[in-house]
Amino acid sequence: MSIEGEFNKLGAIIRTGIVSSVDVSNRTVRVIFRDKSDMVSGPLKIVMREHGASAWLPNINQAVLCLYLPDGGSDGFVLGGI
C-alpha cells in the first residue's frame, strides 16, 4: 500500500476536534470534527490518566485528540486536550 493510503488510514483513526458537549455522569463527550464537514461524534469515552486521580474532563469548546478503533465503527476515545 502507498504512503498516501497509510496516511488515509491514520486519518480515520486519529482525529482532532472540538468538544461540543460533556456528559459528566458517563464520562463521555461529543466532538465536532471540522475537517469532516462539522460532523459530530457519538459519545466518546475519556481515557483516565491515573487510577485514583481526580477525573479530568475536557471543557466545551476545548480542542481534543481522539482515537478511534480501526474496525471502522464509531467506538472511540478522547486521549486528552491539545
Protein backbone atom coordinates (compact mmCIF):
# COMPACT_ATOMS: atom_id res chain seq x y z
CA MET A 1 0.00 0.00 0.00
CA SER A 2 1.18 3.52 -0.72
CA ILE A 3 2.21 6.08 1.87
CA GLU A 4 -0.87 8.12 0.96
CA GLY A 5 -3.08 5.11 1.67
CA GLU A 6 -1.44 4.63 5.07
CA PHE A 7 -1.99 8.31 5.95
CA ASN A 8 -5.65 8.00 4.97
CA LYS A 9 -5.99 5.06 7.35
CA LEU A 10 -4.39 7.05 10.17
CA GLY A 11 -6.70 9.99 9.45
CA ALA A 12 -9.69 7.74 10.12
CA ILE A 13 -8.22 6.50 13.41
CA ILE A 14 -6.56 9.60 14.88
CA ARG A 15 -8.56 12.84 14.77
CA THR A 16 -8.59 16.26 16.36
CA GLY A 17 -11.79 18.08 17.13
CA ILE A 18 -13.64 20.49 19.39
CA VAL A 19 -15.75 19.32 22.35
CA SER A 20 -19.42 20.18 21.80
CA SER A 21 -20.95 18.55 24.90
CA VAL A 22 -19.87 16.82 28.11
CA ASP A 23 -21.74 14.06 29.97
CA VAL A 24 -20.16 14.13 33.44
CA SER A 25 -22.03 11.12 34.84
CA ASN A 26 -20.97 8.81 31.98
CA ARG A 27 -17.53 10.42 31.48
CA THR A 28 -18.17 10.91 27.77
CA VAL A 29 -18.05 13.83 25.36
CA ARG A 30 -19.25 14.59 21.85
CA VAL A 31 -16.75 16.17 19.49
CA ILE A 32 -17.14 18.27 16.33
CA PHE A 33 -14.74 17.38 13.52
CA ARG A 34 -14.28 20.48 11.36
CA ASP A 35 -12.39 18.52 8.69
CA LYS A 36 -15.38 16.16 8.31
CA SER A 37 -17.96 18.85 7.40
CA ASP A 38 -18.59 19.61 11.10
CA MET A 39 -19.66 16.03 11.79
CA VAL A 40 -20.49 15.47 15.48
CA SER A 41 -19.28 12.25 17.06
CA GLY A 42 -21.29 9.87 19.12
CA PRO A 43 -20.38 9.67 22.82
CA LEU A 44 -16.61 9.21 23.19
CA LYS A 45 -15.17 7.81 26.41
CA ILE A 46 -12.48 9.77 28.26
CA VAL A 47 -9.23 7.90 28.85
CA MET A 48 -8.29 8.04 32.55
CA ARG A 49 -4.83 9.44 33.17
CA GLU A 50 -4.14 7.75 36.52
CA HIS A 51 -6.04 5.31 38.64
CA GLY A 52 -7.34 7.10 41.72
CA ALA A 53 -6.52 10.55 40.37
CA SER A 54 -9.21 13.18 40.12
CA ALA A 55 -11.16 12.69 36.92
CA TRP A 56 -10.24 15.01 34.07
CA LEU A 57 -12.96 16.06 31.67
CA PRO A 58 -12.44 18.49 28.82
CA ASN A 59 -14.40 21.72 28.64
CA ILE A 60 -16.88 22.61 25.91
CA ASN A 61 -15.01 24.27 23.01
CA GLN A 62 -11.72 22.65 24.05
CA ALA A 63 -9.59 21.05 21.32
CA VAL A 64 -9.01 17.34 21.93
CA LEU A 65 -7.13 14.41 20.42
CA CYS A 66 -9.36 11.41 19.64
CA LEU A 67 -8.54 7.81 18.86
CA TYR A 68 -10.99 5.54 17.04
CA LEU A 69 -10.79 1.76 16.84
CA PRO A 70 -9.55 0.66 13.40
CA ASP A 71 -12.58 -1.55 12.70
CA GLY A 72 -14.38 1.38 11.07
CA GLY A 73 -17.06 1.57 13.77
CA SER A 74 -17.92 4.57 15.86
CA ASP A 75 -16.21 3.45 19.09
CA GLY A 76 -13.60 5.96 20.12
CA PHE A 77 -11.86 7.70 22.98
CA VAL A 78 -10.60 11.14 23.92
CA LEU A 79 -6.93 10.89 24.82
CA GLY A 80 -6.51 14.44 26.10
CA GLY A 81 -6.66 18.12 25.38
CA ILE A 82 -4.45 19.82 22.83
